[in-house]
Amino acid sequence: MELHDLWFVLIAVLWTGYFFLEGFDFGIGILTRALARDEKERRVLINTIGPVWDGNEVWLLTAGGATFAAFPEWYATLFSGFYLPLLLILVCLIVRGVAFEYRAKRDGERWKRNWETAIFWTSLLPAFLWGVAFANIVRGVPIDADKEFTGGVLDLLNPYALLGGVVTLTLFTFHGALFAALKTLGDIRERARRAAGVLGLVTAAVAVLFLGWTQVLTGSGTSAVAVAVAVAALLGALAANRAGREGWAFALSGATVAAAVASLFLALFPDVMPSTTDPAWSLTVTNASSSAYTLELMSWVALVFTPLVVGYQAWTYWVFRKRIGTQHIPEPVRH
């Protein structure tokens, strides 16, 4: 395997890890509106991701940094062409982080309600926009002979991309509902399981349509296998949730996310950004990559530091593995 092929695979793994972890993270933020019935239950949901949400975002930084270093032409074309949606995602992630930290700084009901509203919207919008962005990467965008994006924002709002946004939104919310069922106690746990049952069916319907459309557009035999795995894992997650096996249900929903992302990267390869203007102008793993020396140096760095980062994050999840409920939320101190 050539080094540029290896780094394409590694970048796909990084994006898969990000969507697996940040996916349920976004889902919890969205469900603070639909699942929680009062301020204490909203706090329970937020506390399920409180120790890990910022660590989950490290995968995004690593994926972006790896893309910049390994495929600078891809990075330049992607971030210039998708400037507005990616800027909106970045602003949402910044506001979302501030909302998590500032929400508990004051006891006022209006103060908390405003930050909770911010958490909801800054979870929902990125969950939708990431799907739009990746659907456009797979479908292709207008790129000229100089490897520059020649379209506009409206080119990104095509039916296929919008459907991709709906898929990531519903899938992440489903993933979040199963995480909530796994991490909570009492009534909120039961409501999370019921919500996951409904969300899973909706996700299955739109995901089958989107992944089937992807296969027609640019699919391959290997991407078809990944699609089949994604569908099987989603059905398995629904069955496990119905049986009350929250751990298996969450693991299988994570497998659904991983297989769906893998199917997109497999359908994309060897391109990294197809050109709808002229296929000859598409960015590929060959013409968009860095030098062999750069890729070799990056490979040694990744070999040393990746196990350390993954090990530390796994330890964090193990430390904060226990369920929480409203009984663990102290009553506010009245002065």
C-alpha atoms as a PDB file:
ATOM      1  CA  MET A   1       0.000   0.000   0.000  1.00  0.00           C
ATOM      2  CA  GLU A   2       1.319   3.443  -0.958  1.00  0.00           C
ATOM      3  CA  LEU A   3       1.702   6.014   1.812  1.00  0.00           C
ATOM      4  CA  HIS A   4      -0.932   8.310   0.309  1.00  0.00           C
ATOM      5  CA  ASP A   5      -3.399   5.389   0.290  1.00  0.00           C
ATOM      6  CA  LEU A   6      -2.499   4.621   3.912  1.00  0.00           C
ATOM      7  CA  TRP A   7      -3.160   8.225   4.936  1.00  0.00           C
ATOM      8  CA  PHE A   8      -6.477   8.229   3.138  1.00  0.00           C
ATOM      9  CA  VAL A   9      -7.421   5.235   5.283  1.00  0.00           C
ATOM     10  CA  LEU A  10      -6.117   6.890   8.461  1.00  0.00           C
ATOM     11  CA  ILE A  11      -8.062  10.078   7.764  1.00  0.00           C
ATOM     12  CA  ALA A  12     -11.179   7.977   7.189  1.00  0.00           C
ATOM     13  CA  VAL A  13     -10.546   6.313  10.585  1.00  0.00           C
ATOM     14  CA  LEU A  14     -10.172   9.711  12.272  1.00  0.00           C
ATOM     15  CA  TRP A  15     -13.441  10.999  10.800  1.00  0.00           C
ATOM     16  CA  THR A  16     -15.125   7.749  11.783  1.00  0.00           C
ATOM     17  CA  GLY A  17     -13.895   8.145  15.351  1.00  0.00           C
ATOM     18  CA  TYR A  18     -15.085  11.741  15.420  1.00  0.00           C
ATOM     19  CA  PHE A  19     -18.576  10.919  14.171  1.00  0.00           C
ATOM     20  CA  PHE A  20     -18.843   7.922  16.510  1.00  0.00           C
ATOM     21  CA  LEU A  21     -17.970  10.016  19.582  1.00  0.00           C
ATOM     22  CA  GLU A  22     -19.295  13.443  18.676  1.00  0.00           C
ATOM     23  CA  GLY A  23     -22.358  11.808  17.130  1.00  0.00           C
ATOM     24  CA  PHE A  24     -23.876  10.753  20.468  1.00  0.00           C
ATOM     25  CA  ASP A  25     -22.542  14.016  21.891  1.00  0.00           C
ATOM     26  CA  PHE A  26     -24.645  15.983  19.384  1.00  0.00           C
ATOM     27  CA  GLY A  27     -27.549  13.612  19.964  1.00  0.00           C
ATOM     28  CA  ILE A  28     -27.567  14.329  23.695  1.00  0.00           C
ATOM     29  CA  GLY A  29     -27.567  18.069  23.010  1.00  0.00           C
ATOM     30  CA  ILE A  30     -30.557  17.721  20.689  1.00  0.00           C
ATOM     31  CA  LEU A  31     -32.425  15.485  23.123  1.00  0.00           C
ATOM     32  CA  THR A  32     -32.166  17.998  25.974  1.00  0.00           C
ATOM     33  CA  ARG A  33     -35.275  19.544  24.401  1.00  0.00           C
ATOM     34  CA  ALA A  34     -37.213  16.389  23.514  1.00  0.00           C
ATOM     35  CA  LEU A  35     -36.300  13.977  26.301  1.00  0.00           C
ATOM     36  CA  ALA A  36     -35.918  16.022  29.490  1.00  0.00           C
ATOM     37  CA  ARG A  37     -39.061  17.233  31.254  1.00  0.00           C
ATOM     38  CA  ASP A  38     -37.479  19.690  33.689  1.00  0.00           C
ATOM     39  CA  GLU A  39     -34.241  21.483  34.494  1.00  0.00           C
ATOM     40  CA  LYS A  40     -32.934  18.633  36.642  1.00  0.00           C
ATOM     41  CA  GLU A  41     -33.373  16.068  33.859  1.00  0.00           C
ATOM     42  CA  ARG A  42     -31.689  18.388  31.371  1.00  0.00           C
ATOM     43  CA  ARG A  43     -28.779  18.561  33.763  1.00  0.00           C
ATOM     44  CA  VAL A  44     -28.670  14.762  33.948  1.00  0.00           C
ATOM     45  CA  LEU A  45     -28.410  14.542  30.158  1.00  0.00           C
ATOM     46  CA  ILE A  46     -25.730  17.210  29.980  1.00  0.00           C
ATOM     47  CA  ASN A  47     -23.784  15.498  32.774  1.00  0.00           C
ATOM     48  CA  THR A  48     -23.676  12.232  30.787  1.00  0.00           C
ATOM     49  CA  ILE A  49     -21.326  13.915  28.317  1.00  0.00           C
ATOM     50  CA  GLY A  50     -19.838  16.514  30.664  1.00  0.00           C
ATOM     51  CA  PRO A  51     -16.519  14.693  31.229  1.00  0.00           C
ATOM     52  CA  VAL A  52     -16.008  13.666  27.588  1.00  0.00           C
ATOM     53  CA  TRP A  53     -17.469  16.177  25.110  1.00  0.00           C
ATOM     54  CA  ASP A  54     -14.294  18.261  24.812  1.00  0.00           C
ATOM     55  CA  GLY A  55     -12.141  15.149  24.370  1.00  0.00           C
ATOM     56  CA  ASN A  56     -14.442  13.988  21.576  1.00  0.00           C
ATOM     57  CA  GLU A  57     -13.690  17.165  19.638  1.00  0.00           C
ATOM     58  CA  VAL A  58      -9.975  16.331  19.621  1.00  0.00           C
ATOM     59  CA  TRP A  59     -10.772  13.839  16.861  1.00  0.00           C
ATOM     60  CA  LEU A  60     -12.020  16.693  14.672  1.00  0.00           C
ATOM     61  CA  LEU A  61      -8.838  18.704  15.221  1.00  0.00           C
ATOM     62  CA  THR A  62      -6.729  15.650  14.461  1.00  0.00           C
ATOM     63  CA  ALA A  63      -8.711  14.793  11.322  1.00  0.00           C
ATOM     64  CA  GLY A  64      -8.450  18.380  10.063  1.00  0.00           C
ATOM     65  CA  GLY A  65      -4.733  18.569  10.869  1.00  0.00           C
ATOM     66  CA  ALA A  66      -4.029  15.233   9.197  1.00  0.00           C
ATOM     67  CA  THR A  67      -5.915  16.317   6.074  1.00  0.00           C
ATOM     68  CA  PHE A  68      -3.925  19.562   5.946  1.00  0.00           C
ATOM     69  CA  ALA A  69      -0.581  17.774   6.304  1.00  0.00           C
ATOM     70  CA  ALA A  70      -1.231  14.688   4.160  1.00  0.00           C
ATOM     71  CA  PHE A  71      -3.446  16.178   1.439  1.00  0.00           C
ATOM     72  CA  PRO A  72      -2.879  19.975   1.317  1.00  0.00           C
ATOM     73  CA  GLU A  73      -4.642  20.379  -2.043  1.00  0.00           C
ATOM     74  CA  TRP A  74      -7.727  18.611  -0.670  1.00  0.00           C
ATOM     75  CA  TYR A  75      -7.666  20.746   2.461  1.00  0.00           C
ATOM     76  CA  ALA A  76      -7.299  23.995   0.505  1.00  0.00           C
ATOM     77  CA  THR A  77     -10.092  23.244  -1.965  1.00  0.00           C
ATOM     78  CA  LEU A  78     -12.406  21.876   0.730  1.00  0.00           C
ATOM     79  CA  PHE A  79     -12.043  24.751   3.172  1.00  0.00           C
ATOM     80  CA  SER A  80     -12.230  27.453   0.519  1.00  0.00           C
ATOM     81  CA  GLY A  81     -15.231  25.937  -1.274  1.00  0.00           C
ATOM     82  CA  PHE A  82     -17.102  24.964   1.902  1.00  0.00           C
ATOM     83  CA  TYR A  83     -16.096  28.098   3.781  1.00  0.00           C
ATOM     84  CA  LEU A  84     -19.549  29.235   4.970  1.00  0.00           C
ATOM     85  CA  PRO A  85     -20.919  25.880   6.205  1.00  0.00           C
ATOM     86  CA  LEU A  86     -17.618  25.000   7.876  1.00  0.00           C
ATOM     87  CA  LEU A  87     -17.471  28.438   9.486  1.00  0.00           C
ATOM     88  CA  LEU A  88     -20.997  27.937  10.787  1.00  0.00           C
ATOM     89  CA  ILE A  89     -19.997  24.555  12.227  1.00  0.00           C
ATOM     90  CA  LEU A  90     -16.955  26.138  13.891  1.00  0.00           C
ATOM     91  CA  VAL A  91     -19.035  28.940  15.422  1.00  0.00           C
ATOM     92  CA  CYS A  92     -21.548  26.367  16.701  1.00  0.00           C
ATOM     93  CA  LEU A  93     -18.803  24.304  18.324  1.00  0.00           C
ATOM     94  CA  ILE A  94     -17.364  27.399  20.016  1.00  0.00           C
ATOM     95  CA  VAL A  95     -20.746  28.587  21.319  1.00  0.00           C
ATOM     96  CA  ARG A  96     -21.617  25.030  22.389  1.00  0.00           C
ATOM     97  CA  GLY A  97     -18.471  24.741  24.473  1.00  0.00           C
ATOM     98  CA  VAL A  98     -19.157  28.085  26.112  1.00  0.00           C
ATOM     99  CA  ALA A  99     -22.768  27.019  26.797  1.00  0.00           C
ATOM    100  CA  PHE A 100     -21.651  23.849  28.586  1.00  0.00           C
ATOM    101  CA  GLU A 101     -19.273  25.823  30.798  1.00  0.00           C
ATOM    102  CA  TYR A 102     -21.411  28.914  31.457  1.00  0.00           C
ATOM    103  CA  ARG A 103     -24.794  27.270  32.004  1.00  0.00           C
ATOM    104  CA  ALA A 104     -24.101  26.467  35.651  1.00  0.00           C
ATOM    105  CA  LYS A 105     -22.358  29.745  36.506  1.00  0.00           C
ATOM    106  CA  ARG A 106     -25.602  31.377  37.673  1.00  0.00           C
ATOM    107  CA  ASP A 107     -28.825  30.071  39.224  1.00  0.00           C
ATOM    108  CA  GLY A 108     -31.247  32.221  37.241  1.00  0.00           C
ATOM    109  CA  GLU A 109     -33.863  30.264  35.312  1.00  0.00           C
ATOM    110  CA  ARG A 110     -33.652  32.543  32.269  1.00  0.00           C
ATOM    111  CA  TRP A 111     -29.848  32.308  32.255  1.00  0.00           C
ATOM    112  CA  LYS A 112     -29.929  28.498  32.202  1.00  0.00           C
ATOM    113  CA  ARG A 113     -32.773  28.350  29.663  1.00  0.00           C
ATOM    114  CA  ASN A 114     -30.864  30.572  27.210  1.00  0.00           C
ATOM    115  CA  TRP A 115     -27.726  28.444  27.411  1.00  0.00           C
ATOM    116  CA  GLU A 116     -29.777  25.251  27.079  1.00  0.00           C
ATOM    117  CA  THR A 117     -31.338  26.680  23.925  1.00  0.00           C
ATOM    118  CA  ALA A 118     -27.829  27.383  22.647  1.00  0.00           C
ATOM    119  CA  ILE A 119     -26.796  23.787  23.380  1.00  0.00           C
ATOM    120  CA  PHE A 120     -29.789  22.478  21.421  1.00  0.00           C
ATOM    121  CA  TRP A 121     -29.205  24.568  18.289  1.00  0.00           C
ATOM    122  CA  THR A 122     -25.415  24.258  18.305  1.00  0.00           C
ATOM    123  CA  SER A 123     -25.822  20.473  18.457  1.00  0.00           C
ATOM    124  CA  LEU A 124     -28.547  20.251  15.800  1.00  0.00           C
ATOM    125  CA  LEU A 125     -26.914  22.477  13.170  1.00  0.00           C
ATOM    126  CA  PRO A 126     -23.494  20.733  13.049  1.00  0.00           C
ATOM    127  CA  ALA A 127     -25.197  17.317  13.071  1.00  0.00           C
ATOM    128  CA  PHE A 128     -27.049  18.369   9.915  1.00  0.00           C
ATOM    129  CA  LEU A 129     -24.234  20.328   8.229  1.00  0.00           C
ATOM    130  CA  TRP A 130     -21.629  17.580   8.541  1.00  0.00           C
ATOM    131  CA  GLY A 131     -23.912  15.337   6.506  1.00  0.00           C
ATOM    132  CA  VAL A 132     -24.373  18.043   3.876  1.00  0.00           C
ATOM    133  CA  ALA A 133     -20.605  18.571   3.661  1.00  0.00           C
ATOM    134  CA  PHE A 134     -19.645  14.915   3.316  1.00  0.00           C
ATOM    135  CA  ALA A 135     -22.432  14.189   0.860  1.00  0.00           C
ATOM    136  CA  ASN A 136     -21.065  16.962  -1.369  1.00  0.00           C
ATOM    137  CA  ILE A 137     -17.531  15.599  -1.063  1.00  0.00           C
ATOM    138  CA  VAL A 138     -18.704  12.191  -2.289  1.00  0.00           C
ATOM    139  CA  ARG A 139     -21.035  13.568  -4.982  1.00  0.00           C
ATOM    140  CA  GLY A 140     -18.471  16.055  -6.267  1.00  0.00           C
ATOM    141  CA  VAL A 141     -18.425  19.819  -6.666  1.00  0.00           C
ATOM    142  CA  PRO A 142     -17.362  22.240  -9.440  1.00  0.00           C
ATOM    143  CA  ILE A 143     -13.530  22.238  -9.533  1.00  0.00           C
ATOM    144  CA  ASP A 144     -11.448  23.726 -12.330  1.00  0.00           C
ATOM    145  CA  ALA A 145      -8.089  22.721 -13.787  1.00  0.00           C
ATOM    146  CA  ASP A 146      -6.281  24.760 -11.100  1.00  0.00           C
ATOM    147  CA  LYS A 147      -7.911  22.636  -8.369  1.00  0.00           C
ATOM    148  CA  GLU A 148     -10.069  25.553  -7.243  1.00  0.00           C
ATOM    149  CA  PHE A 149     -13.732  25.416  -6.261  1.00  0.00           C
ATOM    150  CA  THR A 150     -15.772  27.424  -8.793  1.00  0.00           C
ATOM    151  CA  GLY A 151     -19.274  27.019  -7.373  1.00  0.00           C
ATOM    152  CA  GLY A 152     -21.261  28.794  -4.677  1.00  0.00           C
ATOM    153  CA  VAL A 153     -23.158  27.984  -1.528  1.00  0.00           C
ATOM    154  CA  LEU A 154     -26.296  27.084  -3.490  1.00  0.00           C
ATOM    155  CA  ASP A 155     -24.353  24.342  -5.288  1.00  0.00           C
ATOM    156  CA  LEU A 156     -23.947  22.642  -1.917  1.00  0.00           C
ATOM    157  CA  LEU A 157     -27.690  22.681  -1.193  1.00  0.00           C
ATOM    158  CA  ASN A 158     -28.652  19.970  -3.677  1.00  0.00           C
ATOM    159  CA  PRO A 159     -31.209  17.225  -2.843  1.00  0.00           C
ATOM    160  CA  TYR A 160     -28.577  14.523  -2.335  1.00  0.00           C
ATOM    161  CA  ALA A 161     -26.576  16.650   0.117  1.00  0.00           C
ATOM    162  CA  LEU A 162     -29.670  17.764   2.026  1.00  0.00           C
ATOM    163  CA  LEU A 163     -30.711  14.127   2.387  1.00  0.00           C
ATOM    164  CA  GLY A 164     -27.221  13.393   3.689  1.00  0.00           C
ATOM    165  CA  GLY A 165     -27.744  16.090   6.316  1.00  0.00           C
ATOM    166  CA  VAL A 166     -31.040  14.516   7.381  1.00  0.00           C
ATOM    167  CA  VAL A 167     -29.310  11.134   7.698  1.00  0.00           C
ATOM    168  CA  THR A 168     -26.541  12.389   9.990  1.00  0.00           C
ATOM    169  CA  LEU A 169     -29.049  14.387  12.037  1.00  0.00           C
ATOM    170  CA  THR A 170     -31.341  11.410  12.653  1.00  0.00           C
ATOM    171  CA  LEU A 171     -28.480   8.920  13.061  1.00  0.00           C
ATOM    172  CA  PHE A 172     -26.653  11.053  15.619  1.00  0.00           C
ATOM    173  CA  THR A 173     -29.872  11.685  17.545  1.00  0.00           C
ATOM    174  CA  PHE A 174     -30.602   7.938  17.556  1.00  0.00           C
ATOM    175  CA  HIS A 175     -27.013   7.283  18.704  1.00  0.00           C
ATOM    176  CA  GLY A 176     -27.468   9.885  21.455  1.00  0.00           C
ATOM    177  CA  ALA A 177     -30.751   8.366  22.637  1.00  0.00           C
ATOM    178  CA  LEU A 178     -29.058   4.988  23.056  1.00  0.00           C
ATOM    179  CA  PHE A 179     -26.183   6.621  24.934  1.00  0.00           C
ATOM    180  CA  ALA A 180     -28.719   8.317  27.214  1.00  0.00           C
ATOM    181  CA  ALA A 181     -30.416   4.957  27.842  1.00  0.00           C
ATOM    182  CA  LEU A 182     -27.020   3.448  28.654  1.00  0.00           C
ATOM    183  CA  LYS A 183     -25.926   6.226  31.023  1.00  0.00           C
ATOM    184  CA  THR A 184     -29.077   7.234  32.925  1.00  0.00           C
ATOM    185  CA  LEU A 185     -31.436   5.847  35.540  1.00  0.00           C
ATOM    186  CA  GLY A 186     -35.172   6.020  36.171  1.00  0.00           C
ATOM    187  CA  ASP A 187     -37.842   7.541  33.960  1.00  0.00           C
ATOM    188  CA  ILE A 188     -35.435   9.323  31.660  1.00  0.00           C
ATOM    189  CA  ARG A 189     -33.786   5.992  30.824  1.00  0.00           C
ATOM    190  CA  GLU A 190     -37.125   4.503  29.773  1.00  0.00           C
ATOM    191  CA  ARG A 191     -38.036   7.560  27.705  1.00  0.00           C
ATOM    192  CA  ALA A 192     -34.635   7.374  26.011  1.00  0.00           C
ATOM    193  CA  ARG A 193     -35.273   3.759  25.044  1.00  0.00           C
ATOM    194  CA  ARG A 194     -38.697   4.601  23.614  1.00  0.00           C
ATOM    195  CA  ALA A 195     -37.287   7.589  21.713  1.00  0.00           C
ATOM    196  CA  ALA A 196     -34.494   5.402  20.316  1.00  0.00           C
ATOM    197  CA  GLY A 197     -37.063   2.945  18.973  1.00  0.00           C
ATOM    198  CA  VAL A 198     -38.811   5.663  16.985  1.00  0.00           C
ATOM    199  CA  LEU A 199     -35.617   7.437  15.900  1.00  0.00           C
ATOM    200  CA  GLY A 200     -34.090   4.165  14.735  1.00  0.00           C
ATOM    201  CA  LEU A 201     -36.967   3.484  12.358  1.00  0.00           C
ATOM    202  CA  VAL A 202     -36.783   6.999  10.907  1.00  0.00           C
ATOM    203  CA  THR A 203     -33.009   6.691  10.564  1.00  0.00           C
ATOM    204  CA  ALA A 204     -33.314   3.340   8.816  1.00  0.00           C
ATOM    205  CA  ALA A 205     -35.717   4.766   6.237  1.00  0.00           C
ATOM    206  CA  VAL A 206     -33.634   7.812   5.286  1.00  0.00           C
ATOM    207  CA  ALA A 207     -30.282   6.006   5.569  1.00  0.00           C
ATOM    208  CA  VAL A 208     -31.292   3.213   3.189  1.00  0.00           C
ATOM    209  CA  LEU A 209     -32.451   5.835   0.675  1.00  0.00           C
ATOM    210  CA  PHE A 210     -29.259   7.902   0.987  1.00  0.00           C
ATOM    211  CA  LEU A 211     -26.790   5.003   0.948  1.00  0.00           C
ATOM    212  CA  GLY A 212     -28.627   3.422  -1.964  1.00  0.00           C
ATOM    213  CA  TRP A 213     -28.428   6.719  -3.848  1.00  0.00           C
ATOM    214  CA  THR A 214     -24.693   6.840  -3.069  1.00  0.00           C
ATOM    215  CA  GLN A 215     -24.225   3.368  -4.519  1.00  0.00           C
ATOM    216  CA  VAL A 216     -25.953   4.441  -7.727  1.00  0.00           C
ATOM    217  CA  LEU A 217     -23.848   7.602  -7.993  1.00  0.00           C
ATOM    218  CA  THR A 218     -20.371   6.305  -7.254  1.00  0.00           C
ATOM    219  CA  GLY A 219     -20.585   3.042  -5.315  1.00  0.00           C
ATOM    220  CA  SER A 220     -18.330   0.006  -5.568  1.00  0.00           C
ATOM    221  CA  GLY A 221     -18.441  -3.586  -4.406  1.00  0.00           C
ATOM    222  CA  THR A 222     -16.579  -2.779  -1.184  1.00  0.00           C
ATOM    223  CA  SER A 223     -18.800   0.199  -0.390  1.00  0.00           C
ATOM    224  CA  ALA A 224     -21.850  -2.038  -0.940  1.00  0.00           C
ATOM    225  CA  VAL A 225     -20.515  -4.421   1.711  1.00  0.00           C
ATOM    226  CA  ALA A 226     -20.114  -1.492   4.119  1.00  0.00           C
ATOM    227  CA  VAL A 227     -23.682  -0.378   3.385  1.00  0.00           C
ATOM    228  CA  ALA A 228     -24.961  -3.883   4.154  1.00  0.00           C
ATOM    229  CA  VAL A 229     -23.026  -3.883   7.455  1.00  0.00           C
ATOM    230  CA  ALA A 230     -24.464  -0.458   8.360  1.00  0.00           C
ATOM    231  CA  VAL A 231     -28.031  -1.605   7.725  1.00  0.00           C
ATOM    232  CA  ALA A 232     -27.536  -4.870   9.634  1.00  0.00           C
ATOM    233  CA  ALA A 233     -25.966  -3.032  12.584  1.00  0.00           C
ATOM    234  CA  LEU A 234     -28.826  -0.525  12.684  1.00  0.00           C
ATOM    235  CA  LEU A 235     -31.423  -3.295  12.738  1.00  0.00           C
ATOM    236  CA  GLY A 236     -29.392  -5.054  15.433  1.00  0.00           C
ATOM    237  CA  ALA A 237     -29.304  -1.863  17.509  1.00  0.00           C
ATOM    238  CA  LEU A 238     -33.087  -1.589  17.284  1.00  0.00           C
ATOM    239  CA  ALA A 239     -33.511  -5.218  18.350  1.00  0.00           C
ATOM    240  CA  ALA A 240     -31.079  -4.857  21.265  1.00  0.00           C
ATOM    241  CA  ASN A 241     -32.794  -1.661  22.395  1.00  0.00           C
ATOM    242  CA  ARG A 242     -36.165  -3.401  22.319  1.00  0.00           C
ATOM    243  CA  ALA A 243     -34.717  -6.219  24.438  1.00  0.00           C
ATOM    244  CA  GLY A 244     -33.342  -3.753  26.987  1.00  0.00           C
ATOM    245  CA  ARG A 245     -29.690  -4.498  26.154  1.00  0.00           C
ATOM    246  CA  GLU A 246     -28.488  -0.903  26.168  1.00  0.00           C
ATOM    247  CA  GLY A 247     -24.789  -1.745  25.938  1.00  0.00           C
ATOM    248  CA  TRP A 248     -25.242  -3.869  22.822  1.00  0.00           C
ATOM    249  CA  ALA A 249     -27.645  -1.335  21.334  1.00  0.00           C
ATOM    250  CA  PHE A 250     -25.149   1.506  21.734  1.00  0.00           C
ATOM    251  CA  ALA A 251     -22.264  -0.587  20.391  1.00  0.00           C
ATOM    252  CA  LEU A 252     -24.306  -1.531  17.332  1.00  0.00           C
ATOM    253  CA  SER A 253     -25.411   2.058  16.703  1.00  0.00           C
ATOM    254  CA  GLY A 254     -21.730   2.981  16.838  1.00  0.00           C
ATOM    255  CA  ALA A 255     -21.039   0.214  14.317  1.00  0.00           C
ATOM    256  CA  THR A 256     -23.752   1.741  12.140  1.00  0.00           C
ATOM    257  CA  VAL A 257     -22.003   5.114  12.220  1.00  0.00           C
ATOM    258  CA  ALA A 258     -18.633   3.527  11.467  1.00  0.00           C
ATOM    259  CA  ALA A 259     -19.912   1.396   8.577  1.00  0.00           C
ATOM    260  CA  ALA A 260     -21.869   4.291   7.048  1.00  0.00           C
ATOM    261  CA  VAL A 261     -18.813   6.580   7.132  1.00  0.00           C
ATOM    262  CA  ALA A 262     -16.663   3.767   5.740  1.00  0.00           C
ATOM    263  CA  SER A 263     -19.110   3.287   2.853  1.00  0.00           C
ATOM    264  CA  LEU A 264     -18.742   6.963   1.904  1.00  0.00           C
ATOM    265  CA  PHE A 265     -14.944   6.856   1.923  1.00  0.00           C
ATOM    266  CA  LEU A 266     -14.938   3.585  -0.025  1.00  0.00           C
ATOM    267  CA  ALA A 267     -17.297   5.091  -2.593  1.00  0.00           C
ATOM    268  CA  LEU A 268     -15.029   8.154  -2.814  1.00  0.00           C
ATOM    269  CA  PHE A 269     -11.653   6.380  -3.244  1.00  0.00           C
ATOM    270  CA  PRO A 270      -9.338   6.976  -5.120  1.00  0.00           C
ATOM    271  CA  ASP A 271     -10.758  10.499  -5.400  1.00  0.00           C
ATOM    272  CA  VAL A 272     -10.695  12.786  -2.406  1.00  0.00           C
ATOM    273  CA  MET A 273     -12.844  15.440  -4.060  1.00  0.00           C
ATOM    274  CA  PRO A 274     -14.427  14.694  -7.454  1.00  0.00           C
ATOM    275  CA  SER A 275     -14.917  17.486  -9.993  1.00  0.00           C
ATOM    276  CA  THR A 276     -18.363  17.771 -11.552  1.00  0.00           C
ATOM    277  CA  THR A 277     -16.921  20.153 -14.147  1.00  0.00           C
ATOM    278  CA  ASP A 278     -14.515  17.612 -15.630  1.00  0.00           C
ATOM    279  CA  PRO A 279     -13.582  14.252 -14.051  1.00  0.00           C
ATOM    280  CA  ALA A 280      -9.996  14.815 -15.209  1.00  0.00           C
ATOM    281  CA  TRP A 281      -9.793  17.765 -12.791  1.00  0.00           C
ATOM    282  CA  SER A 282     -10.802  15.723  -9.751  1.00  0.00           C
ATOM    283  CA  LEU A 283      -8.553  15.710  -6.705  1.00  0.00           C
ATOM    284  CA  THR A 284      -7.212  12.212  -6.007  1.00  0.00           C
ATOM    285  CA  VAL A 285      -5.034  10.578  -3.382  1.00  0.00           C
ATOM    286  CA  THR A 286      -2.163  10.956  -5.860  1.00  0.00           C
ATOM    287  CA  ASN A 287      -2.402  14.535  -7.122  1.00  0.00           C
ATOM    288  CA  ALA A 288      -3.582  16.068  -3.821  1.00  0.00           C
ATOM    289  CA  SER A 289      -1.065  14.439  -1.462  1.00  0.00           C
ATOM    290  CA  SER A 290       2.083  15.746   0.205  1.00  0.00           C
ATOM    291  CA  SER A 291       5.566  14.487  -0.601  1.00  0.00           C
ATOM    292  CA  ALA A 292       6.598  10.949   0.291  1.00  0.00           C
ATOM    293  CA  TYR A 293       9.014  12.293   2.928  1.00  0.00           C
ATOM    294  CA  THR A 294       6.225  14.254   4.658  1.00  0.00           C
ATOM    295  CA  LEU A 295       3.912  11.234   4.674  1.00  0.00           C
ATOM    296  CA  GLU A 296       6.676   8.989   6.031  1.00  0.00           C
ATOM    297  CA  LEU A 297       7.459  11.420   8.861  1.00  0.00           C
ATOM    298  CA  MET A 298       3.764  11.729   9.705  1.00  0.00           C
ATOM    299  CA  SER A 299       3.449   7.958   9.806  1.00  0.00           C
ATOM    300  CA  TRP A 300       6.151   7.625  12.468  1.00  0.00           C
ATOM    301  CA  VAL A 301       4.588  10.390  14.569  1.00  0.00           C
ATOM    302  CA  ALA A 302       1.141   8.777  14.294  1.00  0.00           C
ATOM    303  CA  LEU A 303       2.584   5.382  15.230  1.00  0.00           C
ATOM    304  CA  VAL A 304       3.951   6.785  18.496  1.00  0.00           C
ATOM    305  CA  PHE A 305       1.222   9.173  19.641  1.00  0.00           C
ATOM    306  CA  THR A 306      -2.052   7.608  18.410  1.00  0.00           C
ATOM    307  CA  PRO A 307      -2.030   4.699  20.915  1.00  0.00           C
ATOM    308  CA  LEU A 308      -1.351   7.165  23.755  1.00  0.00           C
ATOM    309  CA  VAL A 309      -4.279   9.403  22.839  1.00  0.00           C
ATOM    310  CA  VAL A 310      -6.680   6.485  22.299  1.00  0.00           C
ATOM    311  CA  GLY A 311      -5.565   4.871  25.561  1.00  0.00           C
ATOM    312  CA  TYR A 312      -6.069   8.058  27.567  1.00  0.00           C
ATOM    313  CA  GLN A 313      -9.527   8.640  26.122  1.00  0.00           C
ATOM    314  CA  ALA A 314     -10.540   5.023  26.764  1.00  0.00           C
ATOM    315  CA  TRP A 315      -9.410   5.438  30.381  1.00  0.00           C
ATOM    316  CA  THR A 316     -11.546   8.587  30.689  1.00  0.00           C
ATOM    317  CA  TYR A 317     -14.648   6.720  29.547  1.00  0.00           C
ATOM    318  CA  TRP A 318     -13.882   3.902  31.978  1.00  0.00           C
ATOM    319  CA  VAL A 319     -13.555   6.300  34.925  1.00  0.00           C
ATOM    320  CA  PHE A 320     -16.899   7.964  34.137  1.00  0.00           C
ATOM    321  CA  ARG A 321     -18.746   4.774  33.186  1.00  0.00           C
ATOM    322  CA  LYS A 322     -21.447   4.781  35.904  1.00  0.00           C
ATOM    323  CA  ARG A 323     -25.081   5.686  35.306  1.00  0.00           C
ATOM    324  CA  ILE A 324     -26.533   8.893  36.727  1.00  0.00           C
ATOM    325  CA  GLY A 325     -30.065   9.998  37.556  1.00  0.00           C
ATOM    326  CA  THR A 326     -31.927  12.913  39.068  1.00  0.00           C
ATOM    327  CA  GLN A 327     -31.091  11.587  42.548  1.00  0.00           C
ATOM    328  CA  HIS A 328     -27.450  12.456  41.861  1.00  0.00           C
ATOM    329  CA  ILE A 329     -28.264  16.097  41.117  1.00  0.00           C
ATOM    330  CA  PRO A 330     -28.026  18.214  44.305  1.00  0.00           C
ATOM    331  CA  GLU A 331     -30.738  20.730  45.067  1.00  0.00           C
ATOM    332  CA  PRO A 332     -29.709  24.350  44.426  1.00  0.00           C
ATOM    333  CA  VAL A 333     -28.562  26.271  47.462  1.00  0.00           C
ATOM    334  CA  ARG A 334     -30.974  29.077  48.340  1.00  0.00           C
ATOM    335  CA  HIS A 335     -29.506  32.220  49.852  1.00  0.00           C
END
